[in-house]
Structure formats: C-alpha cells, structure tokens
Amino acid sequence: MKHENYIEIIDKTAVYPQTVDNFGKAYCFFGLTGEWQEMLIDYKKVIYGSGTALEENIKALGKEIGDVIWYITCACKEFGSISALECLDIISNQEASPYYSNSEEILEMANNIPFATLSEPLKKFYRDGKPIEADLINNLLSICCKYLGEIISEEEGLDLNQILKNNYEKLMKRRTTGTLHGDGSNREEATNA
C-alpha cells in the first residue's frame, strides 16, 4: 500500500470524544503509549517463541505494529509536527542496525522510549494553554518510527506495506460495522446484533 493512501485513513477513522478541546492530542499520546506496550508484548512472543506458534505471533505483532502506526500518523496530524509521510519514510527506510546484534537488543531499546518526556508538556497544554514544543513530539515520533523500522527489518514475515494494507482494511471494516470504538483486537469481526 502506498504511504499516501494509508494516510488518508486518518480523516475516515480518527474519531475522538469532543468532551475536551483538542482532545485528539491526549487521545493520540495515550493511545500510542498503550499500543506501544501491547506491541512489545507481542514482540517478546516472537523473540522467545518457536514452532507453530511463531507464525501466529508474527501475525499478531504485525497487527499491533499497524495500530502503533495509526496512532503515530494521527499524532502527526493532531500535533502538527513531523508529517505522517516523513514518519512512514523513517520506518520504511530503516535497515537492520549495525549497533544491535539481535532482536533482544532492539526490544530492550524499544522498551525504553521516553514517553514520559511528553507527559508534563501535555498536562501544561491542557491546564495552562502552553504550546507543546514541536521538537519534543518530533523526537518522540521519530524514535518510535526508528524502532518500528528496526523491528520490521529484523523479523522475517513482516512487511510494512502489508502491515499498512491490513491495518487500513481492518479500520475500514470497523468503520463500516460501527466498531471503531470498543474493546477487543478483532471486534470488527463481531456481527451487529
């Protein structure tokens, strides 16, 4: 899937509660933080798993990476910082790093992304109306994209274009079935009662 086509999904699926002005910023930040942790759990299963479950774990990891990318592209729009296209380019152009000898080292680095650096500025944005420095969000999103690219390039069976296509199809199905909001990784598969 072309990156430009994937980015179009944001206007179709980024639906946030309107209880607070500019709620999209908080929604994207907390969503990214949560999805990042879910992705790392699936990445651990890929690293330490084996046998027939490995293929299932890689598929689950690809789905979580798709969710993380959705939040990154939404955050780009909400914060008006680095463009979503730039983020997708960082991911797709990332090659296996000469600094990490294996997936466990990538996992360790990805587990230490400084999400907390944005917590205080986000609080002050809502409390005091203080603008969030573009460098903070740009750096955080760039770091996330770098590690996503590392994970994708390290693990056989992961392809960015396929991840984007699968995520796009999942979200469009959720939009059609009215399940954009809710719980569960496969809620788009549920039938409307």
Protein backbone atom coordinates (compact mmCIF):
# COMPACT_ATOMS: atom_id res chain seq x y z
CA MET A 1 0.00 0.00 0.00
CA LYS A 2 1.29 3.43 -0.87
CA HIS A 3 2.04 5.55 2.16
CA GLU A 4 -0.03 8.44 0.81
CA ASN A 5 -3.08 6.18 0.55
CA TYR A 6 -2.65 4.91 4.09
CA ILE A 7 -2.51 8.44 5.50
CA GLU A 8 -5.98 9.13 4.05
CA ILE A 9 -7.38 6.73 6.65
CA ILE A 10 -6.90 9.27 9.41
CA ASP A 11 -9.74 11.52 8.30
CA LYS A 12 -12.01 8.47 7.99
CA THR A 13 -11.22 6.76 11.29
CA ALA A 14 -9.79 9.29 13.77
CA VAL A 15 -12.93 9.91 15.79
CA TYR A 16 -12.34 11.27 19.29
CA PRO A 17 -14.71 12.26 22.08
CA GLN A 18 -15.33 16.01 21.98
CA THR A 19 -15.55 16.48 25.75
CA VAL A 20 -12.30 18.50 25.88
CA ASP A 21 -10.89 20.97 23.35
CA ASN A 22 -8.04 19.46 21.36
CA PHE A 23 -8.69 16.05 22.91
CA GLY A 24 -7.04 14.39 19.90
CA LYS A 25 -3.60 15.24 21.27
CA ALA A 26 -4.18 13.38 24.53
CA TYR A 27 -6.03 10.57 22.78
CA CYS A 28 -3.15 10.00 20.36
CA PHE A 29 -0.48 10.23 23.04
CA PHE A 30 -2.14 7.80 25.44
CA GLY A 31 -3.21 5.52 22.60
CA LEU A 32 0.33 5.40 21.22
CA THR A 33 1.74 4.66 24.66
CA GLY A 34 -0.73 1.81 25.23
CA GLU A 35 -0.38 0.28 21.77
CA TRP A 36 3.41 0.51 22.02
CA GLN A 37 3.30 -1.65 25.16
CA GLU A 38 0.96 -4.16 23.50
CA MET A 39 3.30 -4.32 20.51
CA LEU A 40 6.29 -5.01 22.79
CA ILE A 41 4.41 -7.89 24.43
CA ASP A 42 3.82 -9.45 21.00
CA TYR A 43 7.43 -8.77 20.00
CA LYS A 44 8.61 -10.71 23.08
CA LYS A 45 6.43 -13.62 21.97
CA VAL A 46 8.10 -13.56 18.55
CA ILE A 47 11.59 -13.38 20.02
CA TYR A 48 11.13 -16.11 22.61
CA GLY A 49 8.54 -18.23 20.80
CA SER A 50 9.17 -21.06 18.41
CA GLY A 51 7.48 -23.75 16.41
CA THR A 52 3.98 -23.44 15.01
CA ALA A 53 3.09 -20.54 17.30
CA LEU A 54 5.80 -18.37 15.75
CA GLU A 55 3.75 -17.65 12.61
CA GLU A 56 0.74 -16.67 14.73
CA ASN A 57 2.94 -14.45 16.91
CA ILE A 58 4.40 -12.68 13.88
CA LYS A 59 0.88 -12.09 12.53
CA ALA A 60 -0.21 -10.65 15.91
CA LEU A 61 2.90 -8.46 16.01
CA GLY A 62 2.11 -7.12 12.54
CA LYS A 63 -1.41 -6.18 13.70
CA GLU A 64 -0.04 -4.33 16.73
CA ILE A 65 2.56 -2.53 14.61
CA GLY A 66 -0.31 -1.41 12.38
CA ASP A 67 -2.14 0.00 15.40
CA VAL A 68 1.01 1.82 16.56
CA ILE A 69 1.47 3.31 13.09
CA TRP A 70 -2.15 4.51 13.10
CA TYR A 71 -1.56 6.37 16.37
CA ILE A 72 1.70 7.82 15.05
CA THR A 73 0.01 9.12 11.91
CA CYS A 74 -2.84 10.56 13.99
CA ALA A 75 -0.36 12.19 16.35
CA CYS A 76 1.39 13.80 13.38
CA LYS A 77 -1.87 15.40 12.36
CA GLU A 78 -3.01 16.37 15.86
CA PHE A 79 0.29 17.90 16.94
CA GLY A 80 1.01 19.47 13.55
CA SER A 81 4.60 18.42 13.77
CA ILE A 82 6.56 15.96 11.68
CA SER A 83 4.43 14.76 8.79
CA ALA A 84 2.91 11.29 8.73
CA LEU A 85 4.62 10.72 5.40
CA GLU A 86 8.00 11.52 6.96
CA CYS A 87 7.27 9.04 9.75
CA LEU A 88 6.35 6.29 7.31
CA ASP A 89 9.51 7.05 5.34
CA ILE A 90 11.62 6.68 8.51
CA ILE A 91 10.02 3.27 9.12
CA SER A 92 10.38 2.03 5.55
CA ASN A 93 13.96 3.25 5.11
CA GLN A 94 15.22 1.78 8.38
CA GLU A 95 17.55 -1.12 7.86
CA ALA A 96 18.77 -3.59 10.43
CA SER A 97 21.07 -1.61 12.68
CA PRO A 98 24.75 -2.47 12.93
CA TYR A 99 24.51 -1.44 16.61
CA TYR A 100 22.18 -4.23 17.67
CA SER A 101 23.24 -7.81 17.26
CA ASN A 102 19.82 -9.34 17.79
CA SER A 103 16.12 -8.81 18.40
CA GLU A 104 16.56 -8.84 22.18
CA GLU A 105 18.72 -5.71 21.99
CA ILE A 106 16.15 -3.96 19.78
CA LEU A 107 13.45 -4.96 22.27
CA GLU A 108 15.45 -3.52 25.15
CA MET A 109 15.93 -0.19 23.36
CA ALA A 110 12.31 -0.03 22.18
CA ASN A 111 11.18 -0.70 25.75
CA ASN A 112 12.96 2.48 26.88
CA ILE A 113 11.27 5.03 24.63
CA PRO A 114 10.88 8.20 26.71
CA PHE A 115 7.09 8.65 26.51
CA ALA A 116 7.23 10.47 29.86
CA THR A 117 9.03 13.41 28.21
CA LEU A 118 5.71 14.45 26.70
CA SER A 119 3.54 13.91 29.80
CA GLU A 120 4.35 17.17 31.59
CA PRO A 121 4.15 19.37 28.46
CA LEU A 122 0.81 17.74 27.57
CA LYS A 123 -0.51 18.45 31.07
CA LYS A 124 0.57 22.09 30.80
CA PHE A 125 -1.01 22.33 27.35
CA TYR A 126 -4.41 21.41 28.78
CA ARG A 127 -4.05 23.16 32.12
CA ASP A 128 -2.30 26.37 31.09
CA GLY A 129 -2.70 26.53 27.32
CA LYS A 130 1.09 26.36 26.96
CA PRO A 131 2.13 25.15 23.49
CA ILE A 132 3.98 21.86 23.18
CA GLU A 133 7.42 22.25 21.65
CA ALA A 134 7.47 20.68 18.22
CA ASP A 135 10.90 19.17 18.88
CA LEU A 136 9.52 17.09 21.74
CA ILE A 137 6.85 15.41 19.65
CA ASN A 138 9.09 15.19 16.57
CA ASN A 139 11.82 13.43 18.54
CA LEU A 140 9.42 11.05 20.23
CA LEU A 141 7.67 10.08 16.99
CA SER A 142 10.98 9.77 15.13
CA ILE A 143 12.37 7.44 17.81
CA CYS A 144 9.22 5.31 17.67
CA CYS A 145 9.46 5.11 13.88
CA LYS A 146 13.13 4.19 14.01
CA TYR A 147 12.44 1.24 16.30
CA LEU A 148 9.40 0.15 14.30
CA GLY A 149 11.64 0.09 11.24
CA GLU A 150 14.24 -1.91 13.16
CA ILE A 151 11.67 -4.48 14.27
CA ILE A 152 10.18 -4.83 10.78
CA SER A 153 13.58 -5.21 9.14
CA GLU A 154 14.77 -7.69 11.79
CA GLU A 155 11.84 -10.10 11.70
CA GLU A 156 11.10 -12.25 8.67
CA GLY A 157 7.44 -12.26 7.81
CA LEU A 158 6.90 -8.55 8.48
CA ASP A 159 6.40 -6.20 5.56
CA LEU A 160 5.49 -2.54 6.10
CA ASN A 161 3.27 -2.27 3.03
CA GLN A 162 1.34 -5.40 4.04
CA ILE A 163 1.02 -4.13 7.62
CA LEU A 164 -0.39 -0.82 6.33
CA LYS A 165 -2.80 -2.60 3.98
CA ASN A 166 -4.04 -4.95 6.71
CA ASN A 167 -4.48 -2.10 9.18
CA TYR A 168 -6.30 0.02 6.62
CA GLU A 169 -8.69 -2.84 5.77
CA LYS A 170 -9.31 -3.60 9.46
CA LEU A 171 -10.12 0.02 10.28
CA MET A 172 -12.34 0.49 7.26
CA LYS A 173 -14.23 -2.65 8.24
CA ARG A 174 -14.60 -1.29 11.78
CA ARG A 175 -15.91 1.95 10.32
CA THR A 176 -18.47 0.02 8.25
CA THR A 177 -19.53 -2.19 11.18
CA GLY A 178 -19.64 0.72 13.65
CA THR A 179 -16.91 -0.83 15.81
CA LEU A 180 -14.22 1.89 15.69
CA HIS A 181 -14.84 2.34 19.41
CA GLY A 182 -14.90 -0.59 21.77
CA ASP A 183 -12.71 -3.30 23.14
CA GLY A 184 -11.04 -6.28 21.58
CA SER A 185 -8.49 -6.73 18.84
CA ASN A 186 -10.94 -8.39 16.45
CA ARG A 187 -14.14 -6.50 17.22
CA GLU A 188 -14.67 -5.74 13.51
CA GLU A 189 -15.37 -9.45 13.08
CA ALA A 190 -18.33 -9.35 15.51
CA THR A 191 -21.74 -9.22 13.91
CA ASN A 192 -24.07 -6.37 14.73
CA ALA A 193 -26.98 -7.60 16.78
